[in-house]
């Protein structure tokens, strides 16, 4: 298997590391999959099965948040703050959203 070495700007490296961590992949495997996607003639998204799981999870959590919000707005607010903190920690929020 050929080996490729190249340099990245620090910001790009950090962003790739966050995305790889969020996908639960080592950086090298994440980058290989991104490169595979770049040459895929069908332009499929590499992580499509994870997107389906994410979409289902968002729907379930939305229903749950609505129910909790009706019963206890304070509990919902606390849970949302904790969720934002966790997402920011994993690099899944933009800088403005993480504040």
PDB file of N, CA and C in Angstrom:
ATOM      1  N   UNK A   1       0.855  -1.172   0.000  1.00  0.00           N
ATOM      2  CA  UNK A   1       0.000   0.000   0.000  1.00  0.00           C
ATOM      3  C   UNK A   1       0.902   1.237   0.000  1.00  0.00           C
ATOM      4  N   UNK A   2       0.694   2.173  -0.931  1.00  0.00           N
ATOM      5  CA  UNK A   2       1.493   3.395  -0.960  1.00  0.00           C
ATOM      6  C   UNK A   2       1.243   4.242   0.287  1.00  0.00           C
ATOM      7  N   UNK A   3       2.243   5.000   0.662  1.00  0.00           N
ATOM      8  CA  UNK A   3       2.149   5.871   1.824  1.00  0.00           C
ATOM      9  C   UNK A   3       2.275   7.311   1.347  1.00  0.00           C
ATOM     10  N   UNK A   4       1.428   8.200   1.872  1.00  0.00           N
ATOM     11  CA  UNK A   4       1.432   9.602   1.485  1.00  0.00           C
ATOM     12  C   UNK A   4       1.682  10.439   2.735  1.00  0.00           C
ATOM     13  N   UNK A   5       2.603  11.383   2.644  1.00  0.00           N
ATOM     14  CA  UNK A   5       2.867  12.318   3.734  1.00  0.00           C
ATOM     15  C   UNK A   5       2.587  13.732   3.242  1.00  0.00           C
ATOM     16  N   UNK A   6       1.924  14.547   4.060  1.00  0.00           N
ATOM     17  CA  UNK A   6       1.684  15.938   3.699  1.00  0.00           C
ATOM     18  C   UNK A   6       1.483  16.746   4.968  1.00  0.00           C
ATOM     19  N   UNK A   7       1.632  18.048   4.846  1.00  0.00           N
ATOM     20  CA  UNK A   7       1.486  18.956   5.985  1.00  0.00           C
ATOM     21  C   UNK A   7       0.107  19.611   5.953  1.00  0.00           C
ATOM     22  N   UNK A   8      -0.423  19.862   7.145  1.00  0.00           N
ATOM     23  CA  UNK A   8      -1.716  20.534   7.292  1.00  0.00           C
ATOM     24  C   UNK A   8      -1.546  21.768   8.172  1.00  0.00           C
ATOM     25  N   UNK A   9      -2.353  22.749   7.919  1.00  0.00           N
ATOM     26  CA  UNK A   9      -2.400  23.882   8.841  1.00  0.00           C
ATOM     27  C   UNK A   9      -3.010  23.391  10.141  1.00  0.00           C
ATOM     28  N   UNK A  10      -2.621  24.000  11.244  1.00  0.00           N
ATOM     29  CA  UNK A  10      -3.068  23.565  12.569  1.00  0.00           C
ATOM     30  C   UNK A  10      -4.600  23.545  12.688  1.00  0.00           C
ATOM     31  N   UNK A  11      -5.255  24.582  12.179  1.00  0.00           N
ATOM     32  CA  UNK A  11      -6.724  24.659  12.284  1.00  0.00           C
ATOM     33  C   UNK A  11      -7.391  23.500  11.549  1.00  0.00           C
ATOM     34  N   UNK A  12      -6.882  23.170  10.357  1.00  0.00           N
ATOM     35  CA  UNK A  12      -7.449  22.056   9.605  1.00  0.00           C
ATOM     36  C   UNK A  12      -7.209  20.739  10.336  1.00  0.00           C
ATOM     37  N   UNK A  13      -6.024  20.568  10.881  1.00  0.00           N
ATOM     38  CA  UNK A  13      -5.700  19.349  11.630  1.00  0.00           C
ATOM     39  C   UNK A  13      -6.641  19.181  12.817  1.00  0.00           C
ATOM     40  N   UNK A  14      -6.851  20.258  13.568  1.00  0.00           N
ATOM     41  CA  UNK A  14      -7.752  20.180  14.735  1.00  0.00           C
ATOM     42  C   UNK A  14      -9.179  19.852  14.308  1.00  0.00           C
ATOM     43  N   UNK A  15      -9.626  20.465  13.214  1.00  0.00           N
ATOM     44  CA  UNK A  15     -10.988  20.194  12.727  1.00  0.00           C
ATOM     45  C   UNK A  15     -11.125  18.737  12.291  1.00  0.00           C
ATOM     46  N   UNK A  16     -10.114  18.216  11.596  1.00  0.00           N
ATOM     47  CA  UNK A  16     -10.156  16.812  11.179  1.00  0.00           C
ATOM     48  C   UNK A  16     -10.128  15.882  12.388  1.00  0.00           C
ATOM     49  N   UNK A  17      -9.335  16.225  13.385  1.00  0.00           N
ATOM     50  CA  UNK A  17      -9.276  15.409  14.605  1.00  0.00           C
ATOM     51  C   UNK A  17     -10.638  15.370  15.293  1.00  0.00           C
ATOM     52  N   UNK A  18     -11.304  16.525  15.389  1.00  0.00           N
ATOM     53  CA  UNK A  18     -12.635  16.574  16.020  1.00  0.00           C
ATOM     54  C   UNK A  18     -13.628  15.723  15.252  1.00  0.00           C
ATOM     55  N   UNK A  19     -13.626  15.849  13.912  1.00  0.00           N
ATOM     56  CA  UNK A  19     -14.564  15.083  13.095  1.00  0.00           C
ATOM     57  C   UNK A  19     -14.284  13.590  13.194  1.00  0.00           C
ATOM     58  N   UNK A  20     -13.012  13.204  13.200  1.00  0.00           N
ATOM     59  CA  UNK A  20     -12.655  11.791  13.326  1.00  0.00           C
ATOM     60  C   UNK A  20     -13.104  11.257  14.681  1.00  0.00           C
ATOM     61  N   UNK A  21     -12.874  12.034  15.733  1.00  0.00           N
ATOM     62  CA  UNK A  21     -13.281  11.616  17.082  1.00  0.00           C
ATOM     63  C   UNK A  21     -14.802  11.475  17.150  1.00  0.00           C
ATOM     64  N   UNK A  22     -15.512  12.423  16.536  1.00  0.00           N
ATOM     65  CA  UNK A  22     -16.982  12.369  16.538  1.00  0.00           C
ATOM     66  C   UNK A  22     -17.490  11.151  15.768  1.00  0.00           C
ATOM     67  N   UNK A  23     -16.753  10.731  14.736  1.00  0.00           N
ATOM     68  CA  UNK A  23     -17.128   9.541  13.957  1.00  0.00           C
ATOM     69  C   UNK A  23     -16.588   8.264  14.587  1.00  0.00           C
ATOM     70  N   UNK A  24     -15.886   8.418  15.713  1.00  0.00           N
ATOM     71  CA  UNK A  24     -15.300   7.283  16.439  1.00  0.00           C
ATOM     72  C   UNK A  24     -14.321   6.501  15.549  1.00  0.00           C
ATOM     73  N   UNK A  25     -13.477   7.272  14.834  1.00  0.00           N
ATOM     74  CA  UNK A  25     -12.497   6.675  13.930  1.00  0.00           C
ATOM     75  C   UNK A  25     -11.115   7.252  14.208  1.00  0.00           C
ATOM     76  N   UNK A  26     -10.074   6.449  13.975  1.00  0.00           N
ATOM     77  CA  UNK A  26      -8.726   7.015  14.011  1.00  0.00           C
ATOM     78  C   UNK A  26      -8.601   8.043  12.882  1.00  0.00           C
ATOM     79  N   UNK A  27      -7.762   9.056  13.075  1.00  0.00           N
ATOM     80  CA  UNK A  27      -7.612  10.111  12.076  1.00  0.00           C
ATOM     81  C   UNK A  27      -7.254   9.548  10.703  1.00  0.00           C
ATOM     82  N   UNK A  28      -6.321   8.615  10.638  1.00  0.00           N
ATOM     83  CA  UNK A  28      -5.904   8.084   9.335  1.00  0.00           C
ATOM     84  C   UNK A  28      -7.058   7.405   8.603  1.00  0.00           C
ATOM     85  N   UNK A  29      -7.875   6.655   9.315  1.00  0.00           N
ATOM     86  CA  UNK A  29      -9.014   5.982   8.663  1.00  0.00           C
ATOM     87  C   UNK A  29     -10.052   7.003   8.209  1.00  0.00           C
ATOM     88  N   UNK A  30     -10.299   8.027   9.047  1.00  0.00           N
ATOM     89  CA  UNK A  30     -11.247   9.073   8.689  1.00  0.00           C
ATOM     90  C   UNK A  30     -10.798   9.770   7.400  1.00  0.00           C
ATOM     91  N   UNK A  31      -9.511  10.134   7.331  1.00  0.00           N
ATOM     92  CA  UNK A  31      -8.994  10.824   6.150  1.00  0.00           C
ATOM     93  C   UNK A  31      -9.069   9.926   4.918  1.00  0.00           C
ATOM     94  N   UNK A  32      -8.764   8.640   5.070  1.00  0.00           N
ATOM     95  CA  UNK A  32      -8.883   7.717   3.931  1.00  0.00           C
ATOM     96  C   UNK A  32     -10.317   7.688   3.415  1.00  0.00           C
ATOM     97  N   UNK A  33     -11.286   7.651   4.331  1.00  0.00           N
ATOM     98  CA  UNK A  33     -12.689   7.600   3.904  1.00  0.00           C
ATOM     99  C   UNK A  33     -13.112   8.909   3.242  1.00  0.00           C
ATOM    100  N   UNK A  34     -12.612  10.035   3.735  1.00  0.00           N
ATOM    101  CA  UNK A  34     -12.921  11.317   3.107  1.00  0.00           C
ATOM    102  C   UNK A  34     -12.340  11.354   1.690  1.00  0.00           C
ATOM    103  N   UNK A  35     -11.115  10.847   1.531  1.00  0.00           N
ATOM    104  CA  UNK A  35     -10.507  10.797   0.200  1.00  0.00           C
ATOM    105  C   UNK A  35     -11.273   9.853  -0.721  1.00  0.00           C
ATOM    106  N   UNK A  36     -11.734   8.731  -0.206  1.00  0.00           N
ATOM    107  CA  UNK A  36     -12.551   7.808  -1.006  1.00  0.00           C
ATOM    108  C   UNK A  36     -13.825   8.497  -1.471  1.00  0.00           C
ATOM    109  N   UNK A  37     -14.423   9.277  -0.593  1.00  0.00           N
ATOM    110  CA  UNK A  37     -15.640   9.997  -0.949  1.00  0.00           C
ATOM    111  C   UNK A  37     -15.351  11.006  -2.061  1.00  0.00           C
ATOM    112  N   UNK A  38     -14.192  11.644  -2.006  1.00  0.00           N
ATOM    113  CA  UNK A  38     -13.839  12.655  -3.003  1.00  0.00           C
ATOM    114  C   UNK A  38     -13.748  12.078  -4.413  1.00  0.00           C
ATOM    115  N   UNK A  39     -13.397  10.804  -4.539  1.00  0.00           N
ATOM    116  CA  UNK A  39     -13.269  10.208  -5.877  1.00  0.00           C
ATOM    117  C   UNK A  39     -14.451   9.321  -6.250  1.00  0.00           C
ATOM    118  N   UNK A  40     -15.423   9.203  -5.375  1.00  0.00           N
ATOM    119  CA  UNK A  40     -16.594   8.371  -5.643  1.00  0.00           C
ATOM    120  C   UNK A  40     -17.443   9.031  -6.722  1.00  0.00           C
ATOM    121  N   UNK A  41     -17.617   8.363  -7.832  1.00  0.00           N
ATOM    122  CA  UNK A  41     -18.373   8.919  -8.949  1.00  0.00           C
ATOM    123  C   UNK A  41     -19.835   9.164  -8.602  1.00  0.00           C
ATOM    124  N   UNK A  42     -20.361   8.396  -7.660  1.00  0.00           N
ATOM    125  CA  UNK A  42     -21.773   8.550  -7.289  1.00  0.00           C
ATOM    126  C   UNK A  42     -21.957   9.628  -6.232  1.00  0.00           C
ATOM    127  N   UNK A  43     -20.868  10.194  -5.713  1.00  0.00           N
ATOM    128  CA  UNK A  43     -20.888  11.275  -4.722  1.00  0.00           C
ATOM    129  C   UNK A  43     -21.649  10.893  -3.460  1.00  0.00           C
ATOM    130  N   UNK A  44     -21.540   9.615  -3.080  1.00  0.00           N
ATOM    131  CA  UNK A  44     -22.194   9.163  -1.853  1.00  0.00           C
ATOM    132  C   UNK A  44     -21.456   9.717  -0.649  1.00  0.00           C
ATOM    133  N   UNK A  45     -22.184   9.922   0.427  1.00  0.00           N
ATOM    134  CA  UNK A  45     -21.585  10.370   1.682  1.00  0.00           C
ATOM    135  C   UNK A  45     -21.096   9.137   2.428  1.00  0.00           C
ATOM    136  N   UNK A  46     -19.845   9.132   2.850  1.00  0.00           N
ATOM    137  CA  UNK A  46     -19.220   7.958   3.457  1.00  0.00           C
ATOM    138  C   UNK A  46     -19.948   7.482   4.707  1.00  0.00           C
ATOM    139  N   UNK A  47     -20.458   8.398   5.495  1.00  0.00           N
ATOM    140  CA  UNK A  47     -21.039   8.028   6.793  1.00  0.00           C
ATOM    141  C   UNK A  47     -22.566   7.997   6.747  1.00  0.00           C
ATOM    142  N   UNK A  48     -23.157   7.569   5.627  1.00  0.00           N
ATOM    143  CA  UNK A  48     -24.603   7.631   5.464  1.00  0.00           C
ATOM    144  C   UNK A  48     -25.360   6.802   6.491  1.00  0.00           C
ATOM    145  N   UNK A  49     -24.863   5.630   6.860  1.00  0.00           N
ATOM    146  CA  UNK A  49     -25.599   4.821   7.835  1.00  0.00           C
ATOM    147  C   UNK A  49     -25.616   5.514   9.193  1.00  0.00           C
ATOM    148  N   UNK A  50     -24.555   6.236   9.520  1.00  0.00           N
ATOM    149  CA  UNK A  50     -24.535   6.978  10.778  1.00  0.00           C
ATOM    150  C   UNK A  50     -25.521   8.144  10.716  1.00  0.00           C
ATOM    151  N   UNK A  51     -25.713   8.726   9.526  1.00  0.00           N
ATOM    152  CA  UNK A  51     -26.681   9.808   9.380  1.00  0.00           C
ATOM    153  C   UNK A  51     -28.098   9.322   9.686  1.00  0.00           C
ATOM    154  N   UNK A  52     -28.430   8.104   9.250  1.00  0.00           N
ATOM    155  CA  UNK A  52     -29.757   7.561   9.515  1.00  0.00           C
ATOM    156  C   UNK A  52     -29.972   7.358  11.010  1.00  0.00           C
ATOM    157  N   UNK A  53     -28.955   6.868  11.688  1.00  0.00           N
ATOM    158  CA  UNK A  53     -29.038   6.690  13.140  1.00  0.00           C
ATOM    159  C   UNK A  53     -29.173   8.050  13.809  1.00  0.00           C
ATOM    160  N   UNK A  54     -28.398   9.023  13.351  1.00  0.00           N
ATOM    161  CA  UNK A  54     -28.460  10.364  13.912  1.00  0.00           C
ATOM    162  C   UNK A  54     -29.850  10.968  13.727  1.00  0.00           C
ATOM    163  N   UNK A  55     -30.430  10.828  12.542  1.00  0.00           N
ATOM    164  CA  UNK A  55     -31.755  11.383  12.276  1.00  0.00           C
ATOM    165  C   UNK A  55     -32.797  10.774  13.205  1.00  0.00           C
ATOM    166  N   UNK A  56     -32.750   9.470  13.399  1.00  0.00           N
ATOM    167  CA  UNK A  56     -33.690   8.794  14.298  1.00  0.00           C
ATOM    168  C   UNK A  56     -33.488   9.267  15.729  1.00  0.00           C
ATOM    169  N   UNK A  57     -32.238   9.389  16.141  1.00  0.00           N
ATOM    170  CA  UNK A  57     -31.936   9.844  17.502  1.00  0.00           C
ATOM    171  C   UNK A  57     -32.452  11.258  17.734  1.00  0.00           C
ATOM    172  N   UNK A  58     -32.276  12.125  16.754  1.00  0.00           N
ATOM    173  CA  UNK A  58     -32.756  13.503  16.885  1.00  0.00           C
ATOM    174  C   UNK A  58     -34.269  13.529  17.024  1.00  0.00           C
ATOM    175  N   UNK A  59     -34.970  12.707  16.266  1.00  0.00           N
ATOM    176  CA  UNK A  59     -36.427  12.669  16.365  1.00  0.00           C
ATOM    177  C   UNK A  59     -36.866  12.204  17.753  1.00  0.00           C
ATOM    178  N   UNK A  60     -36.237  11.158  18.248  1.00  0.00           N
ATOM    179  CA  UNK A  60     -36.579  10.635  19.574  1.00  0.00           C
ATOM    180  C   UNK A  60     -36.300  11.673  20.649  1.00  0.00           C
ATOM    181  N   UNK A  61     -35.127  12.305  20.574  1.00  0.00           N
ATOM    182  CA  UNK A  61     -34.765  13.297  21.580  1.00  0.00           C
ATOM    183  C   UNK A  61     -35.652  14.532  21.505  1.00  0.00           C
ATOM    184  N   UNK A  62     -36.107  14.887  20.326  1.00  0.00           N
ATOM    185  CA  UNK A  62     -37.012  16.021  20.181  1.00  0.00           C
ATOM    186  C   UNK A  62     -38.345  15.747  20.883  1.00  0.00           C
ATOM    187  N   UNK A  63     -38.861  14.547  20.705  1.00  0.00           N
ATOM    188  CA  UNK A  63     -40.110  14.154  21.372  1.00  0.00           C
ATOM    189  C   UNK A  63     -39.921  14.164  22.889  1.00  0.00           C
ATOM    190  N   UNK A  64     -38.808  13.610  23.343  1.00  0.00           N
ATOM    191  CA  UNK A  64     -38.506  13.577  24.774  1.00  0.00           C
ATOM    192  C   UNK A  64     -38.360  14.983  25.341  1.00  0.00           C
ATOM    193  N   UNK A  65     -37.637  15.862  24.630  1.00  0.00           N
ATOM    194  CA  UNK A  65     -37.449  17.237  25.101  1.00  0.00           C
ATOM    195  C   UNK A  65     -38.774  17.981  25.192  1.00  0.00           C
ATOM    196  N   UNK A  66     -39.650  17.758  24.237  1.00  0.00           N
ATOM    197  CA  UNK A  66     -40.971  18.393  24.271  1.00  0.00           C
ATOM    198  C   UNK A  66     -41.747  17.950  25.506  1.00  0.00           C
ATOM    199  N   UNK A  67     -41.707  16.658  25.790  1.00  0.00           N
ATOM    200  CA  UNK A  67     -42.413  16.124  26.956  1.00  0.00           C
ATOM    201  C   UNK A  67     -41.832  16.672  28.261  1.00  0.00           C
ATOM    202  N   UNK A  68     -40.511  16.648  28.374  1.00  0.00           N
ATOM    203  CA  UNK A  68     -39.861  17.152  29.594  1.00  0.00           C
ATOM    204  C   UNK A  68     -40.125  18.647  29.748  1.00  0.00           C
ATOM    205  N   UNK A  69     -40.044  19.391  28.636  1.00  0.00           N
ATOM    206  CA  UNK A  69     -40.275  20.835  28.678  1.00  0.00           C
ATOM    207  C   UNK A  69     -41.658  21.207  29.175  1.00  0.00           C
ATOM    208  N   UNK A  70     -42.645  20.394  28.850  1.00  0.00           N
ATOM    209  CA  UNK A  70     -44.006  20.660  29.314  1.00  0.00           C
ATOM    210  C   UNK A  70     -44.143  20.398  30.807  1.00  0.00           C
ATOM    211  N   UNK A  71     -43.422  19.398  31.297  1.00  0.00           N
ATOM    212  CA  UNK A  71     -43.513  19.017  32.717  1.00  0.00           C
ATOM    213  C   UNK A  71     -42.609  19.857  33.600  1.00  0.00           C
ATOM    214  N   UNK A  72     -41.396  20.163  33.108  1.00  0.00           N
ATOM    215  CA  UNK A  72     -40.419  20.887  33.919  1.00  0.00           C
ATOM    216  C   UNK A  72     -39.483  21.687  33.024  1.00  0.00           C
ATOM    217  N   UNK A  73     -39.836  22.939  32.749  1.00  0.00           N
ATOM    218  CA  UNK A  73     -38.963  23.771  31.915  1.00  0.00           C
ATOM    219  C   UNK A  73     -37.546  23.905  32.484  1.00  0.00           C
ATOM    220  N   UNK A  74     -37.437  23.890  33.809  1.00  0.00           N
ATOM    221  CA  UNK A  74     -36.114  24.011  34.439  1.00  0.00           C
ATOM    222  C   UNK A  74     -35.250  22.782  34.125  1.00  0.00           C
ATOM    223  N   UNK A  75     -35.837  21.610  34.183  1.00  0.00           N
ATOM    224  CA  UNK A  75     -35.095  20.382  33.881  1.00  0.00           C
ATOM    225  C   UNK A  75     -34.652  20.382  32.419  1.00  0.00           C
ATOM    226  N   UNK A  76     -35.529  20.837  31.529  1.00  0.00           N
ATOM    227  CA  UNK A  76     -35.183  20.913  30.112  1.00  0.00           C
ATOM    228  C   UNK A  76     -34.021  21.881  29.906  1.00  0.00           C
ATOM    229  N   UNK A  77     -34.082  23.039  30.548  1.00  0.00           N
ATOM    230  CA  UNK A  77     -33.012  24.032  30.408  1.00  0.00           C
ATOM    231  C   UNK A  77     -31.678  23.473  30.905  1.00  0.00           C
ATOM    232  N   UNK A  78     -31.697  22.788  32.034  1.00  0.00           N
ATOM    233  CA  UNK A  78     -30.473  22.193  32.579  1.00  0.00           C
ATOM    234  C   UNK A  78     -29.932  21.110  31.633  1.00  0.00           C
ATOM    235  N   UNK A  79     -30.795  20.271  31.121  1.00  0.00           N
ATOM    236  CA  UNK A  79     -30.380  19.223  30.197  1.00  0.00           C
ATOM    237  C   UNK A  79     -29.796  19.789  28.912  1.00  0.00           C
ATOM    238  N   UNK A  80     -30.409  20.851  28.399  1.00  0.00           N
ATOM    239  CA  UNK A  80     -29.888  21.479  27.177  1.00  0.00           C
ATOM    240  C   UNK A  80     -28.516  22.097  27.420  1.00  0.00           C
ATOM    241  N   UNK A  81     -28.325  22.697  28.585  1.00  0.00           N
ATOM    242  CA  UNK A  81     -27.017  23.272  28.918  1.00  0.00           C
ATOM    243  C   UNK A  81     -25.954  22.180  28.989  1.00  0.00           C
ATOM    244  N   UNK A  82     -26.299  21.054  29.585  1.00  0.00           N
ATOM    245  CA  UNK A  82     -25.356  19.939  29.661  1.00  0.00           C
ATOM    246  C   UNK A  82     -25.054  19.390  28.269  1.00  0.00           C
ATOM    247  N   UNK A  83     -26.072  19.293  27.427  1.00  0.00           N
ATOM    248  CA  UNK A  83     -25.881  18.795  26.067  1.00  0.00           C
ATOM    249  C   UNK A  83     -24.964  19.730  25.278  1.00  0.00           C
ATOM    250  N   UNK A  84     -25.189  21.052  25.385  1.00  0.00           N
ATOM    251  CA  UNK A  84     -24.322  22.013  24.693  1.00  0.00           C
ATOM    252  C   UNK A  84     -22.882  21.879  25.154  1.00  0.00           C
ATOM    253  N   UNK A  85     -22.694  21.680  26.454  1.00  0.00           N
ATOM    254  CA  UNK A  85     -21.344  21.526  26.999  1.00  0.00           C
ATOM    255  C   UNK A  85     -20.652  20.296  26.419  1.00  0.00           C
ATOM    256  N   UNK A  86     -21.361  19.183  26.368  1.00  0.00           N
ATOM    257  CA  UNK A  86     -20.797  17.941  25.835  1.00  0.00           C
ATOM    258  C   UNK A  86     -20.488  18.087  24.344  1.00  0.00           C
ATOM    259  N   UNK A  87     -21.413  18.677  23.595  1.00  0.00           N
ATOM    260  CA  UNK A  87     -21.203  18.863  22.157  1.00  0.00           C
ATOM    261  C   UNK A  87     -20.025  19.794  21.888  1.00  0.00           C
ATOM    262  N   UNK A  88     -19.915  20.865  22.662  1.00  0.00           N
ATOM    263  CA  UNK A  88     -18.795  21.798  22.489  1.00  0.00           C
ATOM    264  C   UNK A  88     -17.476  21.109  22.807  1.00  0.00           C
ATOM    265  N   UNK A  89     -17.473  20.291  23.852  1.00  0.00           N
ATOM    266  CA  UNK A  89     -16.273  19.551  24.251  1.00  0.00           C
ATOM    267  C   UNK A  89     -15.781  18.644  23.125  1.00  0.00           C
ATOM    268  N   UNK A  90     -16.709  18.085  22.363  1.00  0.00           N
ATOM    269  CA  UNK A  90     -16.358  17.175  21.267  1.00  0.00           C
ATOM    270  C   UNK A  90     -16.135  17.902  19.951  1.00  0.00           C
ATOM    271  N   UNK A  91     -16.255  19.230  19.972  1.00  0.00           N
ATOM    272  CA  UNK A  91     -16.044  20.006  18.753  1.00  0.00           C
ATOM    273  C   UNK A  91     -17.201  19.924  17.786  1.00  0.00           C
ATOM    274  N   UNK A  92     -18.396  19.642  18.283  1.00  0.00           N
ATOM    275  CA  UNK A  92     -19.555  19.478  17.412  1.00  0.00           C
ATOM    276  C   UNK A  92     -20.430  20.721  17.331  1.00  0.00           C
ATOM    277  N   UNK A  93     -19.999  21.793  17.986  1.00  0.00           N
ATOM    278  CA  UNK A  93     -20.702  23.077  17.898  1.00  0.00           C
ATOM    279  C   UNK A  93     -19.739  24.113  17.358  1.00  0.00           C
ATOM    280  N   UNK A  94     -20.271  25.074  16.629  1.00  0.00           N
ATOM    281  CA  UNK A  94     -19.435  26.194  16.204  1.00  0.00           C
ATOM    282  C   UNK A  94     -19.057  27.020  17.417  1.00  0.00           C
ATOM    283  N   UNK A  95     -18.094  27.912  17.261  1.00  0.00           N
ATOM    284  CA  UNK A  95     -17.630  28.711  18.393  1.00  0.00           C
ATOM    285  C   UNK A  95     -18.763  29.532  18.990  1.00  0.00           C
ATOM    286  N   UNK A  96     -19.620  30.105  18.135  1.00  0.00           N
ATOM    287  CA  UNK A  96     -20.731  30.920  18.628  1.00  0.00           C
ATOM    288  C   UNK A  96     -21.740  30.092  19.402  1.00  0.00           C
ATOM    289  N   UNK A  97     -22.016  28.866  18.948  1.00  0.00           N
ATOM    290  CA  UNK A  97     -23.000  28.011  19.597  1.00  0.00           C
ATOM    291  C   UNK A  97     -22.485  27.468  20.932  1.00  0.00           C
ATOM    292  N   UNK A  98     -21.187  27.275  21.030  1.00  0.00           N
ATOM    293  CA  UNK A  98     -20.601  26.683  22.223  1.00  0.00           C
ATOM    294  C   UNK A  98     -20.548  27.620  23.413  1.00  0.00           C
ATOM    295  N   UNK A  99     -20.816  28.903  23.165  1.00  0.00           N
ATOM    296  CA  UNK A  99     -20.732  29.899  24.244  1.00  0.00           C
ATOM    297  C   UNK A  99     -22.012  30.062  24.980  1.00  0.00           C
TER     298      UNK A  99
END
